[in-house]
Each structure stands twice: as structure tokens, then as C-alpha cells.
Amino acid sequence: MFSVSLLLYIRMSTSFLSLDSAIFLTFFIIVLIMRKLIIFSCVFFPFVLFAQTAKPIPLSTFDSISVYRNRFEVQALDTIVAYMDSPERVGAILPVEVSSIMRAFLLNNWFDYKEHFDWDSLSSVDFTQFLAQNRKEIVFSVFLGKYTTTPLRERAYSYRLKRYETDGFIFPFHKPPIPLTLDSDTILVHIKRLWKSNEPDSVEILLQQLVAAHTVEAFAVLRELLKADYWLGGDNDEAPFPCLCKALRHYETLEALTLLLDILKSPYDFQENHCYKSLEYITSINETSFRRHNRNRDEIVLYFHSIIDSLGSLEAIRTYGYQLYFPFGMHEFDTSSDYYGHILLESGYNMSRFFPLLWRPENTVILPLGVHYQAFKALVSYKDSRMLRYLGALAYREIGQKPQNWPQDFEAVTSLKDLTGVEVEVLDGEGNWTVGYNDDTARLNFLLYWYNHAEDYVWDEEKKRFVNVKE
């Protein structure tokens, strides 16, 4: 529009001015217009720039804090400082201030937080000053699962040892087989009859007997039960595939893994969760990982078959599973026991506890019980007294609970008693001796004993447990 008006003006000007005069006048007008535009820009655009609200904190910031924390690095604290006073609010459903989230992270990841900081008044200036004064002393203790300035060896504690009667440690899945009371053909007939009579609870009881048997014959029965004709003609909506999945995971073999994949390939609708969890228990590949990248049963089956084809052995598959979950390799540790001990403790750590309002579907975390279990199994197999430190830390961090529906998993305190034949009595927060470890003080003292005295124990093959050679 402006160019058209300008041309009309030039044409009109030439009717009573010379061409040179008209061109000069036109150039003069253009200069005046440009000058006004420049002045307008200098005034208006800075106003727009500074009138904008602060750029929202990217969710990747919280991801970076998680990465640093998972690698036990102090840089996580530097990132927190940068946003500790931020007025931004995040969270789609219940927005919360970023500053509150950062303080919550410190509360959950800094030991003796309340001794160093005040929850309500802590500012970035205060925390920056604290970091500057104490940076050389700040370490991440994997045993505490938190940052601290006081190493465990420098903490005071008291203890008393009591004898604990035990026949030695027996790994949960390695208990002596319970012979089948019926032959395999009779069991198959009973299961088929009970299923067609709509008695699924009775079927599950028989399946549990097959699990307890843990023999080649029992496994053959489970393999036979995968044939569809056993489940046709009944009144139930689905075959007891979840029960079969739970049973198969006890065998921890490539054949059991293949049978689980066959179940997932079946055309029947059923709850796959037990199959997914059994896959994790056998392979150490975190369920969160393989379900995040594979949208349905068919894709998960293809994923595991490709891993089996490329890696070949169950040991190699489990090593791959640890690498997916844990940001360290075995070569970064002095011993294999330290490597598996770190996995044992970190497999119970879940950042979503500290950033719950930042939950995103793609970041859903399923507690990796299978990774946890396989790490414990590997740790015990070395018969290295270092494991006692990690089990003490496991008890302290309260992640050794028996998960629902998987009663065959271990519990840290009981495992320590079976592994050593001793029960550790410590002081609780009120100064009383206890073996309950029900408060924070007692749990910490329990950890401190095992951290400082693990090397007092050596493995006795005859007793199938560790013995204390110092007292």
C-alpha cells in the first residue's frame, strides 16, 4: 500500500515539478518515515522484551538433577541453587512453586538436613555460601542414599551382639525341592477338570505345588499347560496365564523366558502384568524400560526375541539389563560385590518420590523388583563380607520390604541374621536398646554397625553362613 501511494505521488509531482526535484522530495519523505520507524522501534521493542514473563523452567532441568543424583555427583546441588528462589510454578494439575520442589529435594537427599538448614527461610544465597564453605567435604553416600558432610566412619554408635539360631542362609528360590505327591499325568488331568468346573483357586493351589517342586518334571507340566486345549470349554473368561507366569519365573532359564514370550503371543486377553514382572525377574531388564519403548504385547515379544538372538545367554542378557538401568559399569568398582551392592541399593531409588508433581506418562517408574532381586542373588553368590554393608544399608533405606504378590523375595534384616547367626542390638532415639530398628536413630545405628564391622566376618562353607572372627 505504501509503495503504491508513493508511485502515485511521484507521478502527480512530475506534473508541476521537474523529475529531479520530485525524486529529491520523495527521498526526503522516505528518510523522515524511516527515522520515525527507528525511534518507534527503540522505544517499543525493549518494552515488549522486558514486559514478557520469565521463561518457564524446562522439565529437562529436573531430569538433569536426576542424572547427577543417580551418578552421585555434587552438580545436582549446583542446579538446585540456580532455581531455589524461582517464583515459577510447575505441574499441570496442582501447580507448585519450583523453590518448594528444590527444598523438598534437599530434604529427601541431604542427611542431617534440619541441622544445616531451615526449611522456611533457606535461600539460594545461604545455600551457595554453604556449598562454598563445605564443598570439599560434601560427598554422596550410597549407603545413606543421601549427600552428607560427615562420613559414616566418623559417626558415633553403640551396639551389642546376640546369638541368633540359624541353620545357615538358604537363598529363597534355592530351597530344597518338595516332591510332587501325584505324577505329572494325574496333575494335568486334575487341573483340566478343576478348570472346566470353574474352580480357578484350586487350579492355582496345584500350580503353587509345581512351583515348590522346582523339578524338571514339574517344569514339563507347566510347559504342557500352555497348550490351549486345557483351557477350552470352561466357564472362565481367561486361562490362568498370570498364575503360569508367576510359576515360570522361578526357573530362571532361557526356556522359561521363551515360554513367557509364548504366553504373551497367545490370542487370549488376560492381565499381562505378572508376565511383564516375570520377564524382569528372569532377565534383569527393567519393566519400565521395555514397556516404555514397546507399545503392545507383540512389540515386547519381538524386543525380547531380538535380545535373545543377539546376546544368546541369560548371563549376557542380565548384564545388558543392568547397563540399561544403572549408569555405571562393573569396571568402575573395586570388586563385583561393590557393583552389585550399588545396584541393590539404587534399584529401590525412585526420583518420582521427590518430583511427584512433575510426573509425565513417559517417565512412569515401576519399582524394578526383578533387578533388585537379581542383584541380591549375584551379591550373595560371591560370599564376600562386603555384602553385609549393603544389606545393612538396605535395611536403613527401607527398600527391602516383601512386595505384594511376590512373597518369595528377601528381607534385609532377616537375611542378615541368617547370613551371620547374630542379631544386632542398638540404641534407639530414646536411648533404649532394641532389635526392632523402628525409628531413624535405631536404623542408622544398625547401618553403622554393619558398615564398620562387615570385615569382621568371613564365610564358613560348612555352616553356610558368615562367622565373626573378631568377637
Foldseek 3Di string as FASTA:
>chain_A
DVVVVLVVQLVVCVVPDPNVVSVVVSVVVVVVVVVVVVVCCVPPVVCVVVVDDDDADDPVLVVVLVVCLLVFHPVNVVSLLVQLPPQHWDFDPDTDGSNLLSLLCCVVAAPPDVVQDDSPPDHSVSVVVVCVVQVVQWTHDLLQSHIYSDDLVRDDFDWDKDFFDALFDDQLLRPAADDDPDALVVLLVVLLVCLQVVNVVVNLVSLVNLLSRLDPRSVVSLLVVPDPVSNPNHPDQDDVVLSSLQSLLSNLAVVSLVVLLVSLVDPGDDDCPSSLLSNCLNQVAFSLVLCLVAPGSVRSSVVVVVVCVVQVGSVSSNQVNCVVPRVDHPVVDPDPLVVLLSQLSCLQDDCCVSVVSPDDVSRDHDRSVSNNQVSVVVNVVVQALVNLLSLLSCQLVVRQDQDPPRNSGGHSQVSNCSQESMQMWTQDPVRDTDSPLPDNRSSSSSSSCSVVQSVQWGADVVSNHIYGNPD
